[in-house]
Amino acid sequence: MNVKTPHPAIGGNWASLLLPIAADDSIEFDKLGEEIDILIDAGVDGIYSNGTAGEFHNQTEEEFDRIQEMLAERCKASSMPFVIGACQPDPLIMLNRARRAAALNPRAIQVILPDWWPLTDAEAVDFLKRAAEAAEGIPLILYNPPHAKRVLAPKELGMACAAAPAVIGIKLADGDASWYAETRRHLSGLSLFVPGHHLATGIKEGVAAGSFSNVACLSPRGAQLWTLSTRSDLDGALELEGRICAFMETHIVPFRQQLGYSNAALDKLLSVIGNWGPVGTRLRSPYRSIDAAEAVRLRRIARSELPDLFP
């Protein structure tokens, strides 16, 4: 199924919608609305829901609908682009989410490959075609993270997306120089979203259209300014990227590598370090949350090492 045209190109600094979770594991929807308003006011290029940091894997369908409706209503009122994540490990639930998301007319709908058993190439194509039908002309973004059951190489991604032209972009992890060369060879027609802390490198390599950004978790406004600087002062943006990566490797990644916390826990930690909204570090059970005291400890360090992100 081909996408209805025209659709504007998608790129830039996209901020993740993080779920404020109460002590009883409920979603605090009043705080979620406040968070959306803050992100809109920060002037990010767009807001996306139900990525990993949005805990898409751990919410009911009623909650899913309420989150997307709130996002769509507030973004449409302010002309803020938004992407809805229909992601879910179960393919039937994901297709139904995509159908309901399409009715809200987002800029795109993000999906993953079904994730209980790794898909073959042919199965991946079949699923993407079905997702395109469910999306009813809304473009698709394929999210293929490093922790997926099957991480597709650039050539594999290119073949799958060529067979499913509704896919206009991919959110993925980047790699070394050979990975960038392969990506330029096989994925040149797609909008690619690299990890937020590698955005300047991705742009320098001629690959990145933007990022669904963990840096925006830390500072939505600062991430937006940094994204803009990649167009006007790429060398300066690369220098800041080096400091961002050093901060992440020294202070954030150890929570995952040494203590076993999830990526969603790290993103929520970043948001509390940045202290820009009402999200909090709490994840929904059974996933463990990083103590908010760690965010308070790291806040001074972040502002000292990355003052550019806190205008």
Protein backbone atom coordinates (compact mmCIF):
# COMPACT_ATOMS: atom_id res chain seq x y z
CA MET A 1 0.00 0.00 0.00
CA ASN A 2 1.47 3.36 -0.97
CA VAL A 3 1.24 6.37 1.31
CA LYS A 4 -1.24 9.07 0.42
CA THR A 5 0.67 12.09 -0.78
CA PRO A 6 1.85 14.67 -0.09
CA HIS A 7 3.37 14.24 3.37
CA PRO A 8 5.97 16.72 4.62
CA ALA A 9 9.40 15.33 5.39
CA ILE A 10 9.97 14.41 9.01
CA GLY A 11 13.12 15.27 10.90
CA GLY A 12 14.69 17.32 13.66
CA ASN A 13 14.52 17.10 17.44
CA TRP A 14 11.60 14.98 18.64
CA ALA A 15 10.86 14.89 22.37
CA SER A 16 9.61 11.71 24.02
CA LEU A 17 6.38 11.74 25.98
CA LEU A 18 7.25 10.22 29.36
CA LEU A 19 4.56 8.83 31.64
CA PRO A 20 4.21 10.35 35.13
CA ILE A 21 3.49 7.32 37.33
CA ALA A 22 1.96 7.59 40.79
CA ALA A 23 2.91 5.46 43.81
CA ASP A 24 -0.10 3.20 43.13
CA ASP A 25 1.14 2.58 39.54
CA SER A 26 -1.57 4.74 37.96
CA ILE A 27 -0.79 7.26 35.22
CA GLU A 28 -1.05 10.85 36.47
CA PHE A 29 -2.89 12.32 33.52
CA ASP A 30 -2.98 15.86 34.94
CA LYS A 31 0.82 15.85 35.02
CA LEU A 32 0.92 14.31 31.55
CA GLY A 33 -1.06 17.25 30.20
CA GLU A 34 1.29 19.67 31.93
CA GLU A 35 4.27 17.86 30.41
CA ILE A 36 2.83 18.13 26.89
CA ASP A 37 2.29 21.87 27.37
CA ILE A 38 5.89 22.30 28.55
CA LEU A 39 7.25 20.43 25.53
CA ILE A 40 5.12 22.53 23.19
CA ASP A 41 6.38 25.71 24.87
CA ALA A 42 9.99 24.47 24.50
CA GLY A 43 9.57 24.69 20.72
CA VAL A 44 10.76 21.18 19.90
CA ASP A 45 10.34 20.01 16.31
CA GLY A 46 7.79 17.43 17.41
CA ILE A 47 6.55 15.19 20.23
CA TYR A 48 6.25 11.42 20.00
CA SER A 49 4.41 9.03 22.27
CA ASN A 50 4.86 5.41 23.22
CA GLY A 51 8.50 4.85 22.52
CA THR A 52 10.47 2.78 25.02
CA ALA A 53 10.53 5.71 27.45
CA GLY A 54 6.75 5.97 27.11
CA GLU A 55 6.41 2.43 28.54
CA PHE A 56 4.26 1.27 25.61
CA HIS A 57 4.73 -2.31 26.75
CA ASN A 58 3.07 -1.70 30.12
CA GLN A 59 -0.28 0.06 29.63
CA THR A 60 -3.85 -0.94 28.94
CA GLU A 61 -5.61 -0.17 25.67
CA GLU A 62 -7.88 2.29 27.46
CA GLU A 63 -4.81 4.09 28.79
CA PHE A 64 -3.21 3.99 25.34
CA ASP A 65 -6.22 5.72 23.81
CA ARG A 66 -6.39 8.36 26.52
CA ILE A 67 -2.68 9.19 26.16
CA GLN A 68 -2.89 9.56 22.38
CA GLU A 69 -6.09 11.60 22.49
CA MET A 70 -4.56 13.99 25.00
CA LEU A 71 -1.40 14.35 22.90
CA ALA A 72 -3.33 14.88 19.66
CA GLU A 73 -5.72 17.43 21.12
CA ARG A 74 -3.01 19.60 22.65
CA CYS A 75 -0.63 19.35 19.70
CA LYS A 76 -3.32 20.18 17.14
CA ALA A 77 -4.38 23.22 19.17
CA SER A 78 -0.82 24.56 19.00
CA SER A 79 0.17 23.27 15.52
CA MET A 80 2.83 21.04 17.10
CA PRO A 81 3.73 17.99 14.95
CA PHE A 82 3.26 14.69 16.74
CA VAL A 83 3.97 11.02 16.11
CA ILE A 84 2.00 8.27 17.82
CA GLY A 85 3.78 5.08 18.81
CA ALA A 86 1.50 2.11 18.15
CA CYS A 87 4.30 -0.14 19.41
CA GLN A 88 3.42 -3.35 21.23
CA PRO A 89 5.17 -6.74 21.21
CA ASP A 90 1.88 -8.42 20.18
CA PRO A 91 1.22 -7.85 16.46
CA LEU A 92 -2.59 -7.89 16.69
CA ILE A 93 -2.62 -5.35 19.51
CA MET A 94 -0.14 -3.22 17.57
CA LEU A 95 -2.24 -3.26 14.40
CA ASN A 96 -5.32 -2.27 16.37
CA ARG A 97 -3.36 0.56 18.00
CA ALA A 98 -2.26 1.72 14.56
CA ARG A 99 -5.87 1.79 13.33
CA ARG A 100 -6.97 3.90 16.28
CA ALA A 101 -3.92 6.15 15.99
CA ALA A 102 -4.65 6.82 12.32
CA ALA A 103 -7.97 8.42 13.26
CA LEU A 104 -6.05 11.09 15.18
CA ASN A 105 -4.08 12.08 12.04
CA PRO A 106 -0.54 12.19 13.43
CA ARG A 107 2.46 13.11 11.26
CA ALA A 108 3.43 9.42 11.40
CA ILE A 109 2.78 6.22 13.32
CA GLN A 110 5.70 4.37 14.87
CA VAL A 111 5.76 0.56 14.98
CA ILE A 112 8.20 -2.14 15.99
CA LEU A 113 8.55 -5.63 14.59
CA PRO A 114 6.54 -8.16 16.65
CA ASP A 115 8.83 -9.19 19.44
CA TRP A 116 8.01 -12.54 20.98
CA TRP A 117 9.76 -14.55 18.26
CA PRO A 118 12.23 -13.00 15.78
CA LEU A 119 10.71 -12.39 12.35
CA THR A 120 12.21 -13.61 9.10
CA ASP A 121 12.69 -11.10 6.29
CA ALA A 122 9.47 -12.21 4.61
CA GLU A 123 7.53 -12.02 7.89
CA ALA A 124 8.86 -8.52 8.55
CA VAL A 125 7.67 -7.37 5.12
CA ASP A 126 4.27 -8.98 5.65
CA PHE A 127 3.85 -7.24 8.98
CA LEU A 128 4.90 -3.82 7.66
CA LYS A 129 2.42 -4.16 4.81
CA ARG A 130 -0.36 -4.99 7.26
CA ALA A 131 0.67 -2.04 9.44
CA ALA A 132 0.48 0.21 6.39
CA GLU A 133 -3.07 -0.96 5.73
CA ALA A 134 -4.02 -0.34 9.34
CA ALA A 135 -2.50 3.16 9.22
CA GLU A 136 -4.77 4.14 6.32
CA GLY A 137 -2.31 6.41 4.55
CA ILE A 138 -0.49 7.78 7.59
CA PRO A 139 3.25 7.19 7.08
CA LEU A 140 5.09 4.68 9.26
CA ILE A 141 8.27 4.99 11.29
CA LEU A 142 9.94 1.66 12.04
CA TYR A 143 11.58 1.52 15.47
CA ASN A 144 14.34 -1.13 15.44
CA PRO A 145 16.30 -0.64 18.68
CA PRO A 146 19.43 -2.51 19.79
CA HIS A 147 17.43 -4.62 22.26
CA ALA A 148 14.93 -5.87 19.64
CA LYS A 149 14.70 -9.65 19.21
CA ARG A 150 16.03 -9.06 15.71
CA VAL A 151 18.12 -6.01 14.84
CA LEU A 152 18.17 -5.57 11.08
CA ALA A 153 21.34 -4.48 9.29
CA PRO A 154 21.08 -1.52 6.87
CA LYS A 155 20.78 -3.80 3.82
CA GLU A 156 18.00 -5.82 5.48
CA LEU A 157 16.19 -2.67 6.52
CA GLY A 158 16.46 -1.29 3.01
CA MET A 159 14.96 -4.41 1.48
CA ALA A 160 12.09 -4.57 3.98
CA CYS A 161 11.21 -0.90 3.64
CA ALA A 162 11.43 -0.98 -0.15
CA ALA A 163 8.74 -3.66 -0.08
CA ALA A 164 6.62 -1.53 2.29
CA PRO A 165 6.80 2.04 0.94
CA ALA A 166 4.53 3.38 3.67
CA VAL A 167 7.65 3.28 5.89
CA ILE A 168 9.22 6.72 5.47
CA GLY A 169 11.63 6.61 8.40
CA ILE A 170 13.50 4.40 10.84
CA LYS A 171 14.57 4.96 14.42
CA LEU A 172 17.72 2.91 14.99
CA ALA A 173 21.08 2.77 16.69
CA ASP A 174 24.06 3.95 14.66
CA GLY A 175 27.50 2.37 14.49
CA ASP A 176 31.03 2.82 13.22
CA ALA A 177 32.25 4.22 9.90
CA SER A 178 31.39 1.01 8.04
CA TRP A 179 27.84 1.13 9.41
CA TYR A 180 27.45 4.69 8.15
CA ALA A 181 28.78 3.65 4.74
CA GLU A 182 26.31 0.75 4.55
CA THR A 183 23.50 3.04 5.67
CA ARG A 184 24.25 5.59 2.96
CA ARG A 185 24.28 2.75 0.45
CA HIS A 186 21.02 1.07 1.44
CA LEU A 187 18.85 3.62 3.29
CA SER A 188 19.38 6.89 1.48
CA GLY A 189 15.70 7.36 0.65
CA LEU A 190 14.46 7.20 4.26
CA SER A 191 14.38 9.64 7.18
CA LEU A 192 16.73 8.11 9.73
CA PHE A 193 16.66 8.92 13.42
CA VAL A 194 19.87 8.19 15.30
CA PRO A 195 20.35 8.20 19.09
CA GLY A 196 19.98 11.71 20.47
CA HIS A 197 23.50 11.92 21.86
CA HIS A 198 24.93 11.04 18.40
CA LEU A 199 22.86 13.53 16.39
CA ALA A 200 25.71 15.78 15.28
CA THR A 201 27.75 12.80 14.07
CA GLY A 202 24.74 11.43 12.21
CA ILE A 203 24.29 14.76 10.46
CA LYS A 204 28.01 15.05 9.69
CA GLU A 205 27.87 11.58 8.11
CA GLY A 206 24.97 12.66 5.90
CA VAL A 207 22.65 10.06 7.43
CA ALA A 208 20.54 11.55 10.23
CA ALA A 209 17.32 13.41 9.54
CA GLY A 210 17.00 13.92 13.27
CA SER A 211 16.52 12.11 16.53
CA PHE A 212 13.79 10.80 18.79
CA SER A 213 15.98 12.21 21.44
CA ASN A 214 17.25 11.14 24.84
CA VAL A 215 18.95 14.56 24.99
CA ALA A 216 15.46 16.08 24.85
CA CYS A 217 14.65 13.97 27.92
CA LEU A 218 17.41 15.88 29.70
CA SER A 219 16.53 19.31 28.29
CA PRO A 220 13.90 19.76 25.58
CA ARG A 221 14.81 23.39 24.96
CA GLY A 222 18.55 22.72 25.08
CA ALA A 223 18.23 19.79 22.69
CA GLN A 224 16.32 22.00 20.28
CA LEU A 225 19.02 24.68 20.36
CA TRP A 226 21.69 22.04 19.82
CA THR A 227 19.78 20.60 16.87
CA LEU A 228 19.54 24.04 15.30
CA SER A 229 23.28 24.53 15.85
CA THR A 230 24.06 21.48 13.70
CA ARG A 231 22.91 23.57 10.73
CA SER A 232 24.80 26.73 11.61
CA ASP A 233 27.90 25.52 13.51
CA LEU A 234 28.46 21.80 13.01
CA ASP A 235 31.93 21.88 14.56
CA GLY A 236 30.52 23.47 17.70
CA ALA A 237 27.67 20.95 17.73
CA LEU A 238 30.18 18.09 17.48
CA GLU A 239 32.17 19.51 20.39
CA LEU A 240 29.01 19.62 22.52
CA GLU A 241 28.17 16.08 21.40
CA GLY A 242 31.51 14.92 22.79
CA ARG A 243 30.65 16.38 26.19
CA ILE A 244 27.13 14.93 26.09
CA CYS A 245 28.51 11.47 25.31
CA ALA A 246 31.09 11.76 28.08
CA PHE A 247 28.37 12.71 30.57
CA MET A 248 26.19 9.81 29.45
CA GLU A 249 29.01 7.26 29.58
CA THR A 250 30.28 8.42 32.97
CA HIS A 251 27.06 9.16 34.82
CA ILE A 252 24.07 7.53 33.07
CA VAL A 253 25.08 4.31 31.25
CA PRO A 254 26.45 2.66 34.44
CA PHE A 255 22.90 2.51 35.80
CA ARG A 256 22.11 0.11 32.95
CA GLN A 257 25.40 -1.74 32.52
CA GLN A 258 26.31 -2.18 36.19
CA LEU A 259 22.95 -2.00 38.00
CA GLY A 260 20.57 -3.44 35.42
CA TYR A 261 18.11 -0.58 35.06
CA SER A 262 16.09 -0.30 31.84
CA ASN A 263 16.51 2.34 29.15
CA ALA A 264 13.17 3.84 30.21
CA ALA A 265 14.55 4.26 33.73
CA LEU A 266 17.57 6.08 32.31
CA ASP A 267 15.40 8.43 30.26
CA LYS A 268 13.24 9.28 33.25
CA LEU A 269 16.39 9.87 35.30
CA LEU A 270 17.52 12.34 32.63
CA SER A 271 14.23 14.21 32.81
CA VAL A 272 14.53 14.66 36.57
CA ILE A 273 18.17 15.72 36.24
CA GLY A 274 16.95 18.36 33.79
CA ASN A 275 14.18 19.34 36.22
CA TRP A 276 11.97 20.77 33.48
CA GLY A 277 8.67 19.01 34.13
CA PRO A 278 6.53 16.82 36.39
CA VAL A 279 7.56 13.38 35.16
CA GLY A 280 9.51 11.83 38.05
CA THR A 281 11.77 8.76 37.94
CA ARG A 282 9.10 6.20 38.80
CA LEU A 283 8.45 3.37 36.30
CA ARG A 284 5.43 1.14 36.31
CA SER A 285 5.91 -2.17 38.13
CA PRO A 286 7.61 -4.59 37.75
CA TYR A 287 10.36 -2.37 36.36
CA ARG A 288 12.65 -0.76 38.89
CA SER A 289 13.05 2.98 39.16
CA ILE A 290 16.21 4.94 39.88
CA ASP A 291 16.05 6.88 43.13
CA ALA A 292 15.27 10.55 42.53
CA ALA A 293 18.13 11.42 44.88
CA GLU A 294 20.50 10.28 42.13
CA ALA A 295 18.98 12.85 39.81
CA VAL A 296 19.46 15.58 42.38
CA ARG A 297 23.08 14.50 42.79
CA LEU A 298 23.70 14.57 39.04
CA ARG A 299 21.86 17.83 38.37
CA ARG A 300 24.75 20.02 39.44
CA ILE A 301 27.19 17.93 37.39
CA ALA A 302 25.03 18.16 34.27
CA ARG A 303 24.70 21.91 34.51
CA SER A 304 28.44 22.25 35.08
CA GLU A 305 29.52 19.98 32.22
CA LEU A 306 26.69 20.82 29.76
CA PRO A 307 25.72 24.46 30.41
CA ASP A 308 24.83 24.81 26.71
CA LEU A 309 21.79 22.57 27.28
CA PHE A 310 20.35 24.72 30.06
CA PRO A 311 19.79 28.17 28.61
